[in-house]
Protein backbone atom coordinates (compact mmCIF):
# COMPACT_ATOMS: atom_id res chain seq x y z
CA UNK A 1 -5.72 -79.95 -14.75
CA UNK A 2 -5.78 -77.54 -17.62
CA UNK A 3 -3.56 -74.46 -17.54
CA UNK A 4 -4.57 -71.71 -19.66
CA UNK A 5 -1.63 -69.36 -20.46
CA UNK A 6 -2.88 -65.80 -21.64
CA UNK A 7 -0.36 -64.42 -24.14
CA UNK A 8 0.43 -60.79 -23.76
CA UNK A 9 1.21 -59.30 -27.10
CA UNK A 10 4.05 -56.88 -27.39
CA UNK A 11 3.36 -53.31 -28.35
CA UNK A 12 3.88 -52.50 -31.98
CA UNK A 13 6.78 -49.90 -32.02
CA UNK A 14 5.05 -48.44 -35.13
CA UNK A 15 2.16 -47.61 -33.08
CA UNK A 16 3.99 -46.33 -30.13
CA UNK A 17 2.76 -42.67 -28.94
CA UNK A 18 5.21 -39.88 -29.34
CA UNK A 19 6.52 -38.34 -25.93
CA UNK A 20 4.42 -35.58 -24.73
CA UNK A 21 6.26 -32.51 -23.43
CA UNK A 22 5.54 -31.07 -19.96
CA UNK A 23 4.23 -27.95 -21.46
CA UNK A 24 2.01 -29.86 -23.67
CA UNK A 25 0.61 -31.88 -20.80
CA UNK A 26 -0.21 -28.66 -18.73
CA UNK A 27 -1.93 -27.26 -21.86
CA UNK A 28 -4.15 -30.29 -22.19
CA UNK A 29 -4.79 -30.28 -18.52
CA UNK A 30 -5.93 -26.69 -18.56
CA UNK A 31 -8.03 -27.23 -21.55
CA UNK A 32 -9.68 -30.06 -19.81
CA UNK A 33 -10.74 -28.06 -16.73
CA UNK A 34 -7.54 -28.46 -14.70
CA UNK A 35 -6.31 -26.08 -12.03
CA UNK A 36 -3.83 -24.35 -14.32
CA UNK A 37 -4.55 -22.56 -17.56
CA UNK A 38 -1.51 -21.25 -19.67
CA UNK A 39 -1.55 -17.32 -19.94
CA UNK A 40 -3.03 -16.34 -23.41
CA UNK A 41 -1.21 -13.08 -24.46
CA UNK A 42 -3.26 -10.05 -24.43
CA UNK A 43 -2.55 -7.28 -26.94
CA UNK A 44 -4.51 -4.29 -25.70
CA UNK A 45 -5.11 -1.56 -28.54
CA UNK A 46 -4.28 2.05 -27.98
CA UNK A 47 -7.39 4.28 -27.46
CA UNK A 48 -7.86 7.95 -27.11
CA UNK A 49 -10.23 9.88 -25.09
CA UNK A 50 -11.06 11.34 -21.68
CA UNK A 51 -10.31 8.32 -19.43
CA UNK A 52 -7.18 7.48 -21.31
CA UNK A 53 -5.98 11.05 -20.58
CA UNK A 54 -6.95 10.94 -17.02
CA UNK A 55 -4.88 7.72 -16.68
CA UNK A 56 -1.86 9.22 -18.36
CA UNK A 57 -2.20 12.38 -16.07
CA UNK A 58 -2.43 10.24 -13.04
CA UNK A 59 0.42 7.90 -14.08
CA UNK A 60 2.82 10.72 -14.51
CA UNK A 61 1.77 12.42 -11.24
CA UNK A 62 2.09 9.30 -9.30
CA UNK A 63 5.20 8.02 -10.62
CA UNK A 64 6.57 11.61 -10.34
CA UNK A 65 5.76 11.53 -6.55
CA UNK A 66 7.33 8.00 -6.16
CA UNK A 67 10.46 8.91 -7.76
CA UNK A 68 10.95 12.45 -6.76
CA UNK A 69 9.87 12.32 -2.83
CA UNK A 70 13.06 10.83 -1.46
CA UNK A 71 15.10 13.88 -2.93
CA UNK A 72 13.02 16.47 -1.26
CA UNK A 73 15.06 18.24 1.65
CA UNK A 74 13.61 19.37 4.91
CA UNK A 75 15.57 21.44 7.47
CA UNK A 76 16.17 19.82 10.82
CA UNK A 77 18.37 21.09 13.45
CA UNK A 78 21.67 19.50 14.50
CA UNK A 79 22.59 16.02 13.28
CA UNK A 80 19.06 15.01 12.31
CA UNK A 81 18.35 13.93 8.75
CA UNK A 82 17.25 16.58 6.33
CA UNK A 83 15.25 14.29 4.21
CA UNK A 84 11.51 15.10 4.09
CA UNK A 85 10.12 11.52 4.10
CA UNK A 86 12.46 8.85 5.78
CA UNK A 87 12.01 5.55 7.39
CA UNK A 88 15.23 5.62 9.52
CA UNK A 89 15.53 2.21 10.90
CA UNK A 90 19.15 3.02 12.22
CA UNK A 91 17.75 5.94 14.20
CA UNK A 92 14.55 4.22 14.87
CA UNK A 93 12.61 7.25 13.52
CA UNK A 94 9.83 7.84 11.01
CA UNK A 95 10.14 11.26 9.45
CA UNK A 96 7.30 12.88 7.40
CA UNK A 97 8.17 16.57 6.82
CA UNK A 98 7.50 18.16 10.00
CA UNK A 99 6.33 15.07 11.78
CA UNK A 100 8.32 12.46 13.47
CA UNK A 101 7.22 9.19 14.83
CA UNK A 102 9.14 7.16 17.56
CA UNK A 103 8.97 3.21 17.74
CA UNK A 104 6.49 3.52 20.75
CA UNK A 105 4.03 5.56 18.52
CA UNK A 106 3.30 2.69 16.03
CA UNK A 107 -0.49 3.45 16.81
CA UNK A 108 -0.23 6.24 14.30
CA UNK A 109 0.99 3.80 11.70
CA UNK A 110 -1.93 1.55 12.44
CA UNK A 111 -4.36 4.56 12.40
CA UNK A 112 -2.97 5.40 8.72
CA UNK A 113 -3.61 1.85 7.59
CA UNK A 114 -7.09 1.89 8.80
CA UNK A 115 -7.85 5.40 7.18
CA UNK A 116 -6.32 3.91 4.00
CA UNK A 117 -8.62 0.79 4.29
CA UNK A 118 -11.68 2.81 5.06
CA UNK A 119 -11.18 5.36 2.31
CA UNK A 120 -10.66 2.51 -0.03
CA UNK A 121 -13.91 0.63 1.21
CA UNK A 122 -15.71 4.13 0.75
CA UNK A 123 -14.61 4.76 -2.81
CA UNK A 124 -15.28 1.21 -3.74
CA UNK A 125 -18.75 1.29 -2.50
CA UNK A 126 -19.46 4.58 -4.30
CA UNK A 127 -17.47 4.42 -7.58
CA UNK A 128 -16.38 0.77 -7.82
CA UNK A 129 -12.62 -0.12 -8.39
CA UNK A 130 -11.26 3.21 -8.97
CA UNK A 131 -8.02 2.16 -7.27
CA UNK A 132 -7.43 -0.88 -9.31
CA UNK A 133 -8.13 1.08 -12.48
CA UNK A 134 -6.11 4.15 -11.86
CA UNK A 135 -3.84 4.17 -8.77
CA UNK A 136 -2.77 0.59 -8.10
CA UNK A 137 1.06 0.19 -8.55
CA UNK A 138 0.44 -2.98 -10.65
CA UNK A 139 -1.91 -1.02 -13.19
CA UNK A 140 0.54 2.00 -13.09
CA UNK A 141 3.58 0.23 -14.00
CA UNK A 142 1.78 -2.20 -16.38
CA UNK A 143 0.54 0.87 -18.24
CA UNK A 144 3.96 2.09 -18.45
CA UNK A 145 5.42 -1.15 -19.71
CA UNK A 146 2.78 -1.24 -22.40
CA UNK A 147 3.58 2.25 -23.50
CA UNK A 148 7.34 1.06 -23.85
CA UNK A 149 6.22 -1.92 -25.78
CA UNK A 150 4.19 0.10 -28.20
CA UNK A 151 7.31 2.34 -28.77
CA UNK A 152 9.38 -0.58 -29.82
CA UNK A 153 6.81 -2.91 -31.37
CA UNK A 154 3.99 -0.87 -32.51
CA UNK A 155 0.08 -1.02 -31.54
CA UNK A 156 -1.93 -4.35 -31.26
CA UNK A 157 -1.80 -5.60 -34.81
CA UNK A 158 1.98 -4.83 -35.14
CA UNK A 159 2.70 -6.77 -31.98
CA UNK A 160 0.65 -9.60 -33.02
CA UNK A 161 2.40 -9.91 -36.29
CA UNK A 162 5.83 -9.41 -34.77
CA UNK A 163 5.17 -12.02 -32.34
CA UNK A 164 3.99 -14.54 -34.99
CA UNK A 165 6.99 -13.74 -37.33
CA UNK A 166 10.32 -15.83 -37.41
CA UNK A 167 13.13 -14.43 -35.66
CA UNK A 168 14.97 -11.77 -37.65
CA UNK A 169 17.26 -8.68 -37.04
CA UNK A 170 14.33 -6.37 -36.79
CA UNK A 171 12.28 -8.72 -34.22
CA UNK A 172 15.55 -9.28 -32.27
CA UNK A 173 16.55 -5.59 -31.66
CA UNK A 174 13.04 -4.48 -30.96
CA UNK A 175 12.46 -7.36 -28.22
CA UNK A 176 16.00 -6.62 -26.79
CA UNK A 177 15.26 -2.89 -26.61
CA UNK A 178 11.97 -3.34 -25.00
CA UNK A 179 13.26 -5.82 -22.35
CA UNK A 180 16.31 -3.64 -21.72
CA UNK A 181 13.91 -0.69 -21.12
CA UNK A 182 11.70 -2.60 -18.69
CA UNK A 183 14.66 -3.75 -16.81
CA UNK A 184 15.72 0.00 -16.50
CA UNK A 185 12.38 0.85 -15.33
CA UNK A 186 12.44 -1.92 -12.77
CA UNK A 187 15.79 -0.93 -11.53
CA UNK A 188 14.62 2.76 -11.07
CA UNK A 189 11.78 1.25 -9.27
CA UNK A 190 13.69 -0.64 -6.76
CA UNK A 191 16.32 2.13 -6.66
CA UNK A 192 13.97 4.67 -5.54
CA UNK A 193 12.20 2.36 -2.97
CA UNK A 194 15.57 1.98 -0.97
CA UNK A 195 15.97 5.67 -0.85
CA UNK A 196 13.01 5.80 1.38
CA UNK A 197 15.07 4.09 3.98
CA UNK A 198 18.43 5.82 3.81
CA UNK A 199 19.58 9.37 3.03
CA UNK A 200 19.23 9.53 -0.76
CA UNK A 201 22.29 11.55 -1.99
CA UNK A 202 24.65 9.56 0.51
CA UNK A 203 23.10 6.13 -0.55
CA UNK A 204 23.22 6.89 -4.38
CA UNK A 205 27.02 7.66 -4.02
CA UNK A 206 27.49 4.56 -1.83
CA UNK A 207 25.49 2.30 -4.00
CA UNK A 208 27.60 2.66 -7.00
CA UNK A 209 30.91 2.28 -5.28
CA UNK A 210 29.81 -0.93 -3.58
CA UNK A 211 29.70 0.67 0.08
CA UNK A 212 25.96 0.66 0.55
CA UNK A 213 24.28 -1.83 3.14
CA UNK A 214 23.58 -5.42 2.00
CA UNK A 215 19.90 -4.76 2.33
CA UNK A 216 19.87 -1.91 -0.21
CA UNK A 217 21.29 -4.22 -2.97
CA UNK A 218 18.93 -7.03 -1.87
CA UNK A 219 15.80 -4.85 -2.13
CA UNK A 220 16.90 -3.18 -5.20
CA UNK A 221 17.39 -6.39 -6.99
CA UNK A 222 14.04 -7.81 -5.62
CA UNK A 223 12.01 -4.84 -6.55
CA UNK A 224 13.77 -4.74 -9.99
CA UNK A 225 12.79 -8.40 -10.62
CA UNK A 226 9.18 -8.06 -9.35
CA UNK A 227 8.48 -5.04 -11.40
CA UNK A 228 9.96 -6.58 -14.55
CA UNK A 229 8.02 -9.95 -14.00
CA UNK A 230 4.84 -8.56 -12.83
CA UNK A 231 4.38 -5.78 -15.20
CA UNK A 232 6.12 -7.25 -18.25
CA UNK A 233 4.94 -10.71 -18.27
CA UNK A 234 2.12 -11.53 -15.60
CA UNK A 235 0.06 -8.36 -15.97
CA UNK A 236 -3.64 -9.27 -15.65
CA UNK A 237 -2.69 -12.46 -13.94
CA UNK A 238 -1.31 -10.41 -10.88
CA UNK A 239 -4.78 -8.75 -10.63
CA UNK A 240 -6.97 -11.96 -11.42
CA UNK A 241 -5.04 -14.70 -9.48
CA UNK A 242 -2.69 -13.03 -7.01
CA UNK A 243 -4.38 -9.95 -5.54
CA UNK A 244 -7.17 -10.67 -3.09
CA UNK A 245 -8.85 -7.30 -3.59
CA UNK A 246 -11.08 -8.26 -6.48
CA UNK A 247 -12.69 -10.98 -4.27
CA UNK A 248 -12.99 -8.68 -1.21
CA UNK A 249 -14.41 -5.69 -3.09
CA UNK A 250 -17.34 -7.90 -4.11
CA UNK A 251 -18.75 -7.51 -0.64
CA UNK A 252 -18.60 -3.58 -0.86
CA UNK A 253 -20.55 -3.21 -4.13
CA UNK A 254 -24.18 -3.31 -4.49
CA UNK A 255 -26.57 -2.26 -7.44
CA UNK A 256 -26.20 1.54 -6.78
CA UNK A 257 -22.40 1.31 -7.12
CA UNK A 258 -21.00 3.34 -10.15
CA UNK A 259 -18.96 1.01 -12.42
CA UNK A 260 -18.03 0.78 -16.02
CA UNK A 261 -21.24 -0.62 -17.44
CA UNK A 262 -22.43 -1.61 -20.59
CA UNK A 263 -25.91 -0.08 -20.92
CA UNK A 264 -27.94 -3.17 -22.43
CA UNK A 265 -31.02 -1.21 -22.15
CA UNK A 266 -29.75 0.79 -25.08
CA UNK A 267 -27.24 -1.51 -26.89
CA UNK A 268 -29.49 -4.68 -27.33
CA UNK A 269 -30.19 -6.27 -29.52
CA UNK A 270 -26.76 -5.80 -31.04
CA UNK A 271 -25.52 -6.71 -34.49
CA UNK A 272 -23.37 -5.43 -37.32
CA UNK A 273 -24.67 -2.15 -39.04
CA UNK A 274 -23.82 -0.77 -42.39
CA UNK A 275 -23.97 2.79 -43.54
CA UNK A 276 -27.48 3.97 -44.47
CA UNK A 277 -29.14 1.22 -42.58
CA UNK A 278 -32.17 2.24 -40.07
CA UNK A 279 -31.67 1.93 -36.45
CA UNK A 280 -35.20 1.31 -35.53
CA UNK A 281 -35.96 -2.21 -33.90
CA UNK A 282 -32.28 -2.72 -32.75
CA UNK A 283 -29.63 -1.49 -30.30
CA UNK A 284 -26.86 1.08 -30.61
CA UNK A 285 -24.13 -1.77 -30.25
CA UNK A 286 -22.73 -2.82 -33.75
CA UNK A 287 -20.75 -5.68 -32.23
CA UNK A 288 -17.60 -4.21 -33.32
CA UNK A 289 -15.67 -5.63 -30.54
CA UNK A 290 -13.67 -2.34 -30.00
CA UNK A 291 -14.32 -2.42 -26.34
CA UNK A 292 -12.85 -6.15 -26.17
CA UNK A 293 -9.40 -5.22 -28.05
CA UNK A 294 -9.03 -2.23 -25.84
CA UNK A 295 -9.32 -3.93 -22.54
CA UNK A 296 -6.04 -4.67 -20.75
CA UNK A 297 -7.75 -7.53 -19.04
CA UNK A 298 -9.00 -9.17 -22.12
CA UNK A 299 -12.63 -9.30 -21.24
CA UNK A 300 -15.92 -8.48 -22.83
CA UNK A 301 -17.71 -5.72 -20.70
CA UNK A 302 -21.03 -6.51 -22.37
CA UNK A 303 -21.13 -9.59 -20.37
CA UNK A 304 -21.78 -7.75 -17.29
CA UNK A 305 -19.76 -7.35 -13.93
CA UNK A 306 -16.69 -9.59 -13.93
CA UNK A 307 -14.09 -10.29 -11.61
CA UNK A 308 -11.39 -9.39 -13.95
CA UNK A 309 -12.72 -6.01 -14.71
CA UNK A 310 -10.55 -3.23 -12.89
CA UNK A 311 -12.71 -0.20 -14.11
CA UNK A 312 -10.07 1.65 -16.12
CA UNK A 313 -12.58 3.12 -18.58
CA UNK A 314 -10.60 2.43 -21.66
CA UNK A 315 -13.57 0.48 -23.16
CA UNK A 316 -15.48 3.81 -22.75
CA UNK A 317 -13.12 5.71 -24.79
CA UNK A 318 -13.11 2.92 -27.47
CA UNK A 319 -16.92 2.72 -27.70
CA UNK A 320 -17.31 6.39 -27.73
CA UNK A 321 -14.99 6.68 -30.67
CA UNK A 322 -17.13 4.14 -32.44
CA UNK A 323 -20.52 5.74 -31.62
CA UNK A 324 -18.97 9.11 -33.01
CA UNK A 325 -18.16 7.38 -36.23
CA UNK A 326 -21.70 5.76 -36.60
CA UNK A 327 -23.55 8.90 -35.60
CA UNK A 328 -24.84 7.50 -32.24
CA UNK A 329 -24.64 9.29 -28.74
CA UNK A 330 -21.93 8.58 -26.77
CA UNK A 331 -22.34 6.60 -23.30
CA UNK A 332 -23.14 3.10 -24.58
CA UNK A 333 -20.57 2.07 -22.12
CA UNK A 334 -20.00 4.47 -19.18
CA UNK A 335 -19.75 4.71 -15.60
CA UNK A 336 -23.27 3.80 -14.36
CA UNK A 337 -25.16 1.68 -11.88
CA UNK A 338 -26.83 -1.70 -12.55
CA UNK A 339 -30.03 -0.26 -10.72
CA UNK A 340 -29.96 2.77 -13.33
CA UNK A 341 -29.83 0.56 -16.16
CA UNK A 342 -32.71 -1.69 -14.92
CA UNK A 343 -34.85 1.28 -14.26
CA UNK A 344 -34.41 2.70 -17.88
CA UNK A 345 -34.97 -0.72 -19.14
CA UNK A 346 -38.50 -0.54 -17.54
CA UNK A 347 -39.03 2.99 -18.76
CA UNK A 348 -38.44 4.67 -15.39
CA UNK A 349 -36.20 7.51 -14.55
CA UNK A 350 -32.93 6.02 -12.66
CA UNK A 351 -32.19 7.64 -9.24
CA UNK A 352 -28.46 7.48 -8.24
CA UNK A 353 -28.29 6.70 -4.28
CA UNK A 354 -25.01 7.74 -2.89
CA UNK A 355 -26.30 7.95 0.70
CA UNK A 356 -26.77 4.32 1.53
CA UNK A 357 -26.15 2.45 4.76
CA UNK A 358 -22.72 1.02 3.86
CA UNK A 359 -21.51 4.34 2.45
CA UNK A 360 -22.72 6.25 5.61
CA UNK A 361 -20.83 3.60 7.82
CA UNK A 362 -17.61 3.97 5.99
CA UNK A 363 -17.89 7.62 5.83
CA UNK A 364 -18.67 7.86 9.53
CA UNK A 365 -15.97 5.42 10.49
CA UNK A 366 -13.46 7.32 8.34
CA UNK A 367 -14.16 10.60 9.85
CA UNK A 368 -14.03 9.17 13.21
CA UNK A 369 -10.59 7.48 12.87
CA UNK A 370 -9.17 10.55 11.02
CA UNK A 371 -10.54 12.66 13.92
CA UNK A 372 -8.76 10.57 16.39
CA UNK A 373 -5.39 10.68 14.57
CA UNK A 374 -5.47 14.47 14.24
CA UNK A 375 -6.41 14.88 17.91
CA UNK A 376 -3.63 12.31 18.80
CA UNK A 377 -0.98 14.31 16.67
CA UNK A 378 -2.11 17.91 18.04
CA UNK A 379 -2.37 16.66 21.64
CA UNK A 380 0.56 14.30 22.02
CA UNK A 381 3.13 15.60 24.60
CA UNK A 382 6.56 16.90 23.55
CA UNK A 383 7.97 14.64 26.26
CA UNK A 384 7.57 10.98 27.35
CA UNK A 385 8.68 9.76 30.63
CA UNK A 386 9.34 6.12 31.90
CA UNK A 387 10.56 5.27 35.48
CA UNK A 388 12.36 2.06 35.83
CA UNK A 389 12.69 1.04 39.55
CA UNK A 390 15.97 -0.77 40.81
CA UNK A 391 15.32 -4.47 41.15
CA UNK A 392 18.34 -5.48 42.90
CA UNK A 393 18.28 -4.43 45.72
CA UNK A 394 14.69 -3.18 45.47
CA UNK A 395 15.13 -0.94 48.39
CA UNK A 396 18.09 0.21 50.84
CA UNK A 397 17.81 0.68 54.42
CA UNK A 398 20.10 3.64 55.61
CA UNK A 399 22.13 3.69 58.88
CA UNK A 400 19.58 6.32 60.31
CA UNK A 401 16.58 4.07 59.58
CA UNK A 402 15.39 5.74 56.30
CA UNK A 403 14.56 3.87 53.11
CA UNK A 404 15.88 4.66 49.74
CA UNK A 405 14.73 3.58 46.35
CA UNK A 406 16.63 3.83 43.23
CA UNK A 407 15.22 4.67 39.83
CA UNK A 408 16.22 5.10 36.16
CA UNK A 409 14.21 7.70 34.57
CA UNK A 410 14.08 7.95 30.84
CA UNK A 411 13.05 11.19 29.26
CA UNK A 412 12.26 11.33 25.67
CA UNK A 413 12.37 14.86 24.20
CA UNK A 414 10.31 14.56 20.87
CA UNK A 415 11.18 18.26 19.94
CA UNK A 416 14.01 19.39 17.69
CA UNK A 417 15.62 21.49 20.35
CA UNK A 418 17.15 20.98 23.80
CA UNK A 419 14.63 21.39 26.55
CA UNK A 420 15.35 22.09 30.40
CA UNK A 421 12.93 19.85 32.37
CA UNK A 422 12.52 19.89 36.21
CA UNK A 423 11.81 16.45 37.86
CA UNK A 424 9.50 16.07 40.61
CA UNK A 425 8.21 13.15 42.95
CA UNK A 426 4.80 12.85 44.66
CA UNK A 427 3.05 10.25 46.69
CA UNK A 428 5.42 9.90 49.66
CA UNK A 429 5.25 12.80 52.13
CA UNK A 430 8.59 14.56 53.04
CA UNK A 431 10.55 12.22 50.43
CA UNK A 432 13.86 13.60 49.30
CA UNK A 433 15.11 13.18 45.85
CA UNK A 434 18.78 13.30 44.70
CA UNK A 435 20.58 12.62 41.60
CA UNK A 436 24.45 12.00 41.09
CA UNK A 437 26.06 15.46 39.94
CA UNK A 438 23.37 17.61 41.60
CA UNK A 439 23.45 19.48 44.61
CA UNK A 440 21.18 18.13 47.48
CA UNK A 441 18.18 20.27 48.51
CA UNK A 442 18.23 21.97 44.96
CA UNK A 443 15.44 21.54 42.26
CA UNK A 444 16.44 18.83 40.20
CA UNK A 445 16.73 20.07 36.52
CA UNK A 446 18.27 18.44 33.64
CA UNK A 447 18.79 19.22 29.95
CA UNK A 448 16.98 16.84 27.52
CA UNK A 449 18.72 16.46 24.20
CA UNK A 450 16.62 16.97 21.11
CA UNK A 451 15.08 14.00 19.48
CA UNK A 452 16.78 11.64 21.94
CA UNK A 453 16.04 9.69 25.15
CA UNK A 454 18.00 11.03 28.22
CA UNK A 455 18.58 8.53 31.13
CA UNK A 456 18.78 10.07 34.60
CA UNK A 457 19.54 8.11 37.78
CA UNK A 458 17.39 9.27 40.91
CA UNK A 459 17.39 8.18 44.42
CA UNK A 460 14.32 8.84 46.59
CA UNK A 461 14.80 8.76 50.42
CA UNK A 462 11.88 8.63 52.91
CA UNK A 463 11.24 8.11 56.64
CA UNK A 464 9.49 4.76 57.49
CA UNK A 465 6.77 6.77 59.44
CA UNK A 466 5.76 8.64 56.12
CA UNK A 467 5.11 5.24 54.48
CA UNK A 468 1.82 3.44 54.13
CA UNK A 469 3.13 -0.05 54.03
CA UNK A 470 5.59 -2.32 52.11
CA UNK A 471 4.58 -0.66 48.85
CA UNK A 472 3.39 2.88 48.52
CA UNK A 473 1.86 4.25 45.14
CA UNK A 474 3.90 7.32 43.92
CA UNK A 475 4.63 8.98 40.63
CA UNK A 476 7.33 11.09 38.83
CA UNK A 477 6.65 14.08 36.80
CA UNK A 478 8.43 16.43 34.71
CA UNK A 479 7.81 19.99 33.80
CA UNK A 480 8.95 22.07 31.05
CA UNK A 481 7.35 25.36 30.33
CA UNK A 482 3.65 24.86 30.52
CA UNK A 483 3.70 21.11 29.89
CA UNK A 484 3.70 18.49 32.52
CA UNK A 485 4.09 14.65 32.25
CA UNK A 486 3.52 12.12 34.85
CA UNK A 487 4.20 8.34 35.23
CA UNK A 488 3.24 5.95 37.96
CA UNK A 489 5.50 4.08 39.99
CA UNK A 490 5.82 2.64 43.62
CA UNK A 491 8.10 3.14 46.69
CA UNK A 492 9.01 -0.13 48.40
CA UNK A 493 9.96 -0.28 52.11
CA UNK A 494 9.49 -3.92 53.22
CA UNK A 495 10.25 -7.31 51.98
CA UNK A 496 7.68 -7.55 49.41
CA UNK A 497 8.74 -8.39 45.71
CA UNK A 498 8.56 -5.68 43.10
């Protein structure tokens, strides 16, 4: 037998590959089509124009509302909180100026969420992603953070040079100042948020002396961290990878939705243009990439509708500025529809269709739900009544043969003033009603405290001959002024279970 031994050569140390870092492996994986691609920094250039001015105005307005609202006072009687907008978990109330909602009125919160969703659907179907470009918190705070970044590091080219430069005192103080300001804005964001859940003047004093609730410190820290990370570092990645709305809005857009659009019918064929050159036989786009360097998402709007585009309009301002310099009309990039661009390409006059099946549906649904909400707020009773029947014993047979049931009535007074209410009982003929502390034979009246639930013990007695069986349907009612509120119950007189 012949045995063949295969010699395995040892690896040559000189040819051994250098160790590869985890970051390098991830980079190579991303470049090769993996699931993760490292973020490439985006340096949006500052532009001036109509849409940038609108964004600044909305930024100031919305941040002003967010930071100022918890400090608005609203006079309410007694010991009720005087904060205009307050989610009072301890008192189990939600206050919005003159409106207060109780826990059992959560359907109003649901209605508000439905109205917000339908309004967003309608605006998106008509005008594209206006929410993303102008009102989304991620967009607003990112704009603010970029503004701070420009204050410390300069505009696009200066920031790129600073990032590429070696560390120096100049780079250190600029980076440090920027990040400290970002953290300050993040802390102000988290601090303002917790004021919506506690009395603001009281909480701000307790917060700094260490006497605030633990939840206040937790949520202030959480909002500080998320604002700092999302607006300072992740930015466009939040919109592209974390937010579901870019994908949902695709189902609401069509060829008649107004969006930030590159009018290729006018811009193509594109190419460089020098002063004195004729414009015949070519488009107005001079391929300067001004729209690209102004985009906070780092995309080229000339490639058509894209998932990353938030319709902020900054590319419009950048392009209009270039068109002005080369002597061409504004509007090469503008809010337009795909249908209008295609019609002009074929030489037709475009028609803008705002009344479409989807927009009509959203509008009708929005009006309907809003009407229900308004009707519910205007017609909701000032009182709410619940009757809890005693379960042990379910009834008592008195020495004279009469049957007595015990109840606990809970009367919710939603007004801000004490109300005297009269309690009545119906459904059982000749039934007698009594409450501890009230004289027999007299109308049963109690004072319901403002913005509270008042519990009342009531005993109802009836003769067996007046009862329809082991269980008789009945009802309690309360009357105050011209308002009457009823609640159903049963009167038991046999061995039946409740």
